[in-house]
Amino acid sequence: MTVRASASVQRQRIEVAMTAPKVAILCVTHDRPELVVNCLRSCAAQRYPDFEIVVIVNPADEESEAAVRASAPEARIIRTHRNIGFFPALNLALANTDASYVMIVDDDAWFLSDDALELLMKEFRRMPELGAVTCNLEGPMETPISGGDRYIRAFTTGFTMMPRKVISEWVGFFPDLFFRSAGEMFLCTTMWEQRRPVKRVEHVRMHHALAQQGRSSRDWHFHGLRSQLLCAVMREPGVWLVPVLASKFVRSLAFYLRRRAFLIWVHAWLSFLFHLPDAWRLRAPISGRTRRLLSRLDSTVIHDLSTCPEWAGDAPSR
């Protein structure tokens, strides 16, 4: 009986391995070798039957590369000659994998179990219409969700799995205008417009250290504001665009004045105006209905989309 049971389990594992879509774990690391070790060890320990690890060392750094090789010897390393930014580097990783699904991980975060990829993939099998699933986060600045999975306006990039079709067919690559921040909103607004929901999964957890090592506070605030403004131009419906930009003008000014960062605010707005023609060429506004749905997701915990009056129509075929 034991022999038969073991043989049966083995056959089931082989069948799962043969039918499991390939997953690429993508990590962009920037001058944080101590942190990326924890991240990649948790990735390499995943028991999903078919996955690869692609690491962008941005920019090339011998200490970071050594940390990658020590923690995940099988990882493929891609080097950049300078810091090209998070989203351009992520585009490079996305262009260098043929996996059916991609799992994006921040270099200061790590999985808390070895079945995370399996559980996230189960969500796609259970709900083929999903556009992305993101993990439940815990850490010094994170509060894990409870009470069940919930639908969210936009995923947090470094903790998310999505079909590669999001990039290759449905939305496209992240605009290089987004050095950091707003790339996730760029993708998710279009996925919601296409009726491809984005969901945070309660039972798949990652720890997020939220480390500032290797990060410039000035660059963080400058690129964060500029990217939000550019994304608004690309995605906001026509009737919303001017009110949204006006609101961001007033609120961002108050925010940056409180932090005595007025010059950063001025620089971000001037840079936004300089790049405005590029953002306008990428403009693909969502509908008013989707905009109202996103506002509801911001203000209300949604476990069931059928309770949202803005949600209608069948999910797209895959």
Protein backbone atom coordinates (compact mmCIF):
# COMPACT_ATOMS: atom_id res chain seq x y z
CA MET A 1 0.00 0.00 0.00
CA THR A 2 2.81 2.41 0.92
CA VAL A 3 4.67 1.63 -2.30
CA ARG A 4 1.52 2.18 -4.38
CA ALA A 5 0.79 5.45 -2.55
CA SER A 6 4.35 6.70 -3.10
CA ALA A 7 4.22 5.78 -6.79
CA SER A 8 0.87 7.55 -7.13
CA VAL A 9 2.20 10.71 -5.48
CA GLN A 10 5.25 10.60 -7.73
CA ARG A 11 3.07 10.30 -10.85
CA GLN A 12 0.97 13.25 -9.69
CA ARG A 13 4.10 15.34 -9.20
CA ILE A 14 5.35 14.46 -12.67
CA GLU A 15 1.97 15.35 -14.20
CA VAL A 16 1.95 18.70 -12.38
CA ALA A 17 5.51 19.41 -13.56
CA MET A 18 4.56 18.65 -17.16
CA THR A 19 1.51 20.94 -17.14
CA ALA A 20 2.76 23.77 -14.92
CA PRO A 21 3.34 27.00 -16.87
CA LYS A 22 6.88 28.30 -16.63
CA VAL A 23 7.36 31.19 -14.19
CA ALA A 24 10.20 33.70 -14.30
CA ILE A 25 11.15 35.36 -11.01
CA LEU A 26 12.48 38.81 -11.89
CA CYS A 27 14.54 40.88 -9.47
CA VAL A 28 16.13 44.28 -10.01
CA THR A 29 18.84 44.97 -7.43
CA HIS A 30 20.71 48.20 -6.84
CA ASP A 31 23.65 48.27 -4.41
CA ARG A 32 22.01 46.13 -1.70
CA PRO A 33 23.99 42.85 -1.61
CA GLU A 34 23.08 41.98 1.98
CA LEU A 35 19.36 42.30 1.32
CA VAL A 36 19.28 40.54 -2.04
CA VAL A 37 20.71 37.40 -0.40
CA ASN A 38 17.55 36.92 1.70
CA CYS A 39 15.38 37.67 -1.30
CA LEU A 40 17.01 35.20 -3.67
CA ARG A 41 17.37 32.43 -1.13
CA SER A 42 13.61 32.50 -0.64
CA CYS A 43 13.15 32.47 -4.42
CA ALA A 44 15.54 29.56 -4.98
CA ALA A 45 13.74 27.58 -2.24
CA GLN A 46 10.38 27.66 -4.06
CA ARG A 47 9.12 24.16 -4.83
CA TYR A 48 7.22 25.15 -7.97
CA PRO A 49 8.23 22.64 -10.69
CA ASP A 50 9.27 25.02 -13.48
CA PHE A 51 10.76 28.43 -12.78
CA GLU A 52 13.83 30.52 -13.53
CA ILE A 53 15.41 33.46 -11.75
CA VAL A 54 16.56 36.53 -13.69
CA VAL A 55 18.42 39.24 -11.79
CA ILE A 56 19.20 42.68 -13.18
CA VAL A 57 22.24 44.14 -11.39
CA ASN A 58 21.58 47.83 -11.96
CA PRO A 59 24.31 49.04 -12.34
CA ALA A 60 26.97 46.33 -12.53
CA ASP A 61 28.48 45.79 -9.10
CA GLU A 62 30.88 42.96 -8.18
CA GLU A 63 29.66 42.68 -4.59
CA SER A 64 26.02 42.40 -5.66
CA GLU A 65 26.86 39.84 -8.35
CA ALA A 66 28.76 37.75 -5.78
CA ALA A 67 25.74 37.89 -3.48
CA VAL A 68 23.47 36.72 -6.31
CA ARG A 69 25.74 33.80 -7.21
CA ALA A 70 26.04 32.77 -3.54
CA SER A 71 22.30 32.80 -2.84
CA ALA A 72 20.94 31.57 -6.19
CA PRO A 73 23.71 29.96 -8.27
CA GLU A 74 21.26 29.06 -11.04
CA ALA A 75 20.10 32.68 -11.50
CA ARG A 76 20.75 34.44 -14.79
CA ILE A 77 22.51 37.77 -14.22
CA ILE A 78 22.05 40.74 -16.54
CA ARG A 79 24.22 43.80 -15.96
CA THR A 80 23.60 47.44 -16.80
CA HIS A 81 26.39 49.98 -17.31
CA ARG A 82 24.63 52.62 -15.19
CA ASN A 83 21.54 52.97 -13.03
CA ILE A 84 18.85 53.08 -15.73
CA GLY A 85 15.97 53.08 -13.23
CA PHE A 86 13.72 50.38 -11.82
CA PHE A 87 11.13 50.14 -14.58
CA PRO A 88 13.58 50.34 -17.52
CA ALA A 89 15.61 47.60 -15.80
CA LEU A 90 12.46 45.56 -15.27
CA ASN A 91 11.68 45.94 -18.97
CA LEU A 92 15.11 44.46 -19.68
CA ALA A 93 14.30 41.45 -17.51
CA LEU A 94 10.88 41.02 -19.14
CA ALA A 95 12.48 41.08 -22.59
CA ASN A 96 14.87 38.31 -21.57
CA THR A 97 12.43 35.62 -20.53
CA ASP A 98 10.00 33.44 -22.45
CA ALA A 99 8.12 32.30 -19.33
CA SER A 100 4.33 32.30 -19.43
CA TYR A 101 4.11 34.09 -16.06
CA VAL A 102 6.42 36.53 -14.31
CA MET A 103 6.87 37.01 -10.58
CA ILE A 104 8.44 40.37 -9.75
CA VAL A 105 10.28 40.61 -6.42
CA ASP A 106 11.92 43.58 -4.73
CA ASP A 107 15.48 43.01 -3.58
CA ASP A 108 14.53 43.95 0.01
CA ALA A 109 11.66 41.44 0.25
CA TRP A 110 11.43 37.67 0.59
CA PHE A 111 8.83 34.89 0.54
CA LEU A 112 7.77 33.51 3.91
CA SER A 113 6.99 30.02 2.57
CA ASP A 114 8.30 27.74 -0.16
CA ASP A 115 4.88 27.27 -1.80
CA ALA A 116 4.23 30.91 -2.70
CA LEU A 117 4.55 30.38 -6.48
CA GLU A 118 2.27 27.34 -6.34
CA LEU A 119 -0.41 29.20 -4.41
CA LEU A 120 -0.31 32.26 -6.68
CA MET A 121 -0.53 30.06 -9.76
CA LYS A 122 -3.56 28.32 -8.26
CA GLU A 123 -5.32 31.70 -8.25
CA PHE A 124 -4.82 32.02 -12.01
CA ARG A 125 -6.11 28.48 -12.57
CA ARG A 126 -9.13 29.20 -10.39
CA MET A 127 -9.82 32.61 -11.98
CA PRO A 128 -8.37 32.72 -15.51
CA GLU A 129 -9.66 36.27 -16.00
CA LEU A 130 -7.21 37.70 -13.44
CA GLY A 131 -4.70 40.26 -14.64
CA ALA A 132 -2.37 40.05 -11.63
CA VAL A 133 -2.15 38.68 -8.10
CA THR A 134 -0.01 40.25 -5.41
CA CYS A 135 1.19 38.95 -2.07
CA ASN A 136 0.14 39.92 1.43
CA LEU A 137 2.92 42.05 2.92
CA GLU A 138 4.30 42.30 6.41
CA GLY A 139 7.23 44.28 7.72
CA PRO A 140 8.17 47.44 9.62
CA MET A 141 5.92 49.65 7.45
CA GLU A 142 3.41 47.07 6.22
CA THR A 143 0.09 45.93 7.68
CA PRO A 144 -1.06 42.55 6.33
CA ILE A 145 -4.64 42.31 5.11
CA SER A 146 -7.07 39.98 6.88
CA GLY A 147 -10.58 38.75 6.27
CA GLY A 148 -9.94 37.24 2.85
CA ASP A 149 -8.55 38.21 -0.53
CA ARG A 150 -9.43 41.67 -1.81
CA TYR A 151 -9.43 43.48 -5.12
CA ILE A 152 -7.11 46.46 -5.35
CA ARG A 153 -6.67 49.42 -7.66
CA ALA A 154 -3.01 48.67 -8.40
CA PHE A 155 -0.55 46.02 -7.31
CA THR A 156 2.72 46.72 -5.54
CA THR A 157 5.22 45.89 -8.25
CA GLY A 158 7.86 44.02 -6.28
CA PHE A 159 5.52 41.38 -4.87
CA THR A 160 3.35 40.47 -7.85
CA MET A 161 2.73 37.67 -10.35
CA MET A 162 1.12 38.30 -13.73
CA PRO A 163 0.86 36.63 -17.12
CA ARG A 164 3.61 37.76 -19.46
CA LYS A 165 0.81 38.56 -21.91
CA VAL A 166 0.26 41.73 -19.88
CA ILE A 167 3.51 42.95 -21.43
CA SER A 168 3.55 41.12 -24.76
CA GLU A 169 -0.11 41.59 -25.77
CA TRP A 170 -2.49 43.33 -23.37
CA VAL A 171 -0.76 46.53 -22.22
CA GLY A 172 2.89 46.69 -23.25
CA PHE A 173 6.18 47.45 -21.53
CA PHE A 174 6.56 50.07 -18.82
CA PRO A 175 7.30 53.49 -20.34
CA ASP A 176 10.92 54.48 -19.80
CA LEU A 177 9.60 57.80 -18.51
CA PHE A 178 8.90 55.97 -15.24
CA PHE A 179 12.33 55.82 -13.61
CA ARG A 180 10.53 54.58 -10.52
CA SER A 181 6.90 54.73 -9.29
CA ALA A 182 3.62 54.77 -11.26
CA GLY A 183 4.50 51.89 -13.59
CA GLU A 184 2.12 49.62 -11.71
CA MET A 185 -0.68 52.17 -12.07
CA PHE A 186 0.06 52.42 -15.80
CA LEU A 187 -0.49 48.66 -16.19
CA CYS A 188 -3.34 48.18 -13.74
CA THR A 189 -5.60 50.96 -15.01
CA THR A 190 -5.56 49.37 -18.45
CA MET A 191 -6.08 45.87 -17.06
CA TRP A 192 -9.14 47.06 -15.15
CA GLU A 193 -10.37 48.73 -18.34
CA GLN A 194 -9.96 45.35 -20.08
CA ARG A 195 -11.87 43.66 -17.23
CA ARG A 196 -8.79 41.84 -15.93
CA PRO A 197 -9.00 42.16 -12.13
CA VAL A 198 -6.06 42.74 -9.80
CA LYS A 199 -6.19 40.97 -6.46
CA ARG A 200 -4.19 40.82 -3.22
CA VAL A 201 -4.07 37.29 -1.82
CA GLU A 202 -4.28 36.96 1.96
CA HIS A 203 -2.61 33.58 2.41
CA VAL A 204 0.59 34.21 0.39
CA ARG A 205 2.94 36.36 2.45
CA MET A 206 6.16 38.23 1.84
CA HIS A 207 8.28 40.19 4.28
CA HIS A 208 9.19 43.68 3.10
CA ALA A 209 12.16 45.23 4.86
CA LEU A 210 11.49 48.60 3.18
CA ALA A 211 15.16 49.42 3.45
CA GLN A 212 16.55 52.81 2.43
CA GLN A 213 20.03 51.42 1.85
CA GLY A 214 21.21 52.47 -1.60
CA ARG A 215 18.27 54.88 -1.98
CA SER A 216 18.34 58.67 -2.34
CA SER A 217 15.49 60.45 -0.56
CA ARG A 218 15.69 63.30 -3.05
CA ASP A 219 15.45 60.99 -6.08
CA TRP A 220 12.63 59.08 -4.39
CA HIS A 221 10.50 62.20 -4.01
CA PHE A 222 11.43 63.71 -7.37
CA HIS A 223 10.73 60.62 -9.49
CA GLY A 224 7.70 59.66 -7.40
CA LEU A 225 5.89 62.94 -8.09
CA ARG A 226 6.96 63.23 -11.71
CA SER A 227 5.88 59.68 -12.52
CA GLN A 228 2.45 60.17 -10.92
CA LEU A 229 1.87 63.27 -13.04
CA LEU A 230 2.98 61.58 -16.25
CA CYS A 231 0.78 58.55 -15.54
CA ALA A 232 -2.22 60.81 -14.97
CA VAL A 233 -1.72 62.31 -18.43
CA MET A 234 -1.47 58.85 -19.97
CA ARG A 235 -4.51 57.30 -18.30
CA GLU A 236 -7.00 59.77 -16.79
CA PRO A 237 -10.27 60.29 -18.73
CA GLY A 238 -10.56 63.66 -20.43
CA VAL A 239 -13.05 65.17 -17.98
CA TRP A 240 -10.89 64.05 -15.04
CA LEU A 241 -7.47 65.12 -16.29
CA VAL A 242 -7.45 68.83 -15.43
CA PRO A 243 -9.10 68.38 -11.98
CA VAL A 244 -6.69 65.55 -11.13
CA LEU A 245 -3.61 67.56 -12.13
CA ALA A 246 -4.91 70.60 -10.24
CA SER A 247 -5.48 68.48 -7.15
CA LYS A 248 -2.00 66.97 -7.41
CA PHE A 249 -0.53 70.48 -7.79
CA VAL A 250 -2.08 71.73 -4.55
CA ARG A 251 -1.62 68.57 -2.51
CA SER A 252 1.94 67.93 -3.64
CA LEU A 253 2.91 71.54 -2.91
CA ALA A 254 1.59 71.23 0.65
CA PHE A 255 3.33 67.87 1.08
CA TYR A 256 6.73 69.08 -0.13
CA LEU A 257 6.54 72.34 1.81
CA ARG A 258 5.97 70.37 5.03
CA ARG A 259 9.14 68.42 4.24
CA ARG A 260 11.09 71.54 3.30
CA ALA A 261 11.57 70.16 -0.19
CA PHE A 262 10.16 73.00 -2.26
CA LEU A 263 13.01 72.90 -4.79
CA ILE A 264 12.41 69.18 -5.40
CA TRP A 265 8.74 69.97 -6.02
CA VAL A 266 9.64 72.69 -8.53
CA HIS A 267 12.13 70.40 -10.29
CA ALA A 268 9.56 67.57 -10.53
CA TRP A 269 6.90 69.83 -12.05
CA LEU A 270 9.34 71.38 -14.52
CA SER A 271 10.54 67.93 -15.56
CA PHE A 272 6.91 66.83 -15.94
CA LEU A 273 6.23 69.76 -18.27
CA PHE A 274 9.36 68.97 -20.26
CA HIS A 275 8.26 65.34 -20.75
CA LEU A 276 4.57 66.17 -21.23
CA PRO A 277 4.70 65.70 -25.05
CA ASP A 278 6.15 62.18 -24.58
CA ALA A 279 3.42 61.28 -22.09
CA TRP A 280 0.73 62.69 -24.38
CA ARG A 281 1.91 60.43 -27.23
CA LEU A 282 1.31 57.48 -24.90
CA ARG A 283 -2.10 58.71 -23.82
CA ALA A 284 -4.74 55.95 -23.74
CA PRO A 285 -7.39 57.16 -21.27
CA ILE A 286 -9.61 54.76 -19.41
CA SER A 287 -13.39 55.12 -19.37
CA GLY A 288 -15.34 57.03 -16.77
CA ARG A 289 -16.87 53.76 -15.56
CA THR A 290 -13.44 52.28 -14.90
CA ARG A 291 -12.34 55.50 -13.20
CA ARG A 292 -15.32 55.26 -10.85
CA LEU A 293 -14.50 51.62 -10.15
CA LEU A 294 -10.91 52.53 -9.27
CA SER A 295 -12.15 55.24 -6.92
CA ARG A 296 -14.40 52.68 -5.22
CA LEU A 297 -11.47 50.29 -4.83
CA ASP A 298 -9.51 53.11 -3.18
CA SER A 299 -12.21 53.81 -0.62
CA THR A 300 -13.83 50.42 0.03
CA VAL A 301 -12.62 46.90 0.78
CA ILE A 302 -13.99 44.76 -2.05
CA HIS A 303 -14.04 40.97 -1.74
CA ASP A 304 -16.64 40.36 -4.45
CA LEU A 305 -16.70 42.40 -7.66
CA SER A 306 -20.33 41.53 -8.29
CA THR A 307 -21.18 43.99 -5.49
CA CYS A 308 -19.72 46.87 -7.55
CA PRO A 309 -22.26 48.57 -9.86
CA GLU A 310 -19.37 49.72 -12.08
CA TRP A 311 -18.34 46.15 -12.75
CA ALA A 312 -20.19 44.64 -15.70
CA GLY A 313 -19.53 42.45 -18.71
CA ASP A 314 -17.82 39.16 -19.19
CA ALA A 315 -14.15 38.58 -18.48
CA PRO A 316 -11.95 38.40 -21.59
CA SER A 317 -10.86 35.10 -23.04
CA ARG A 318 -7.23 34.25 -22.54
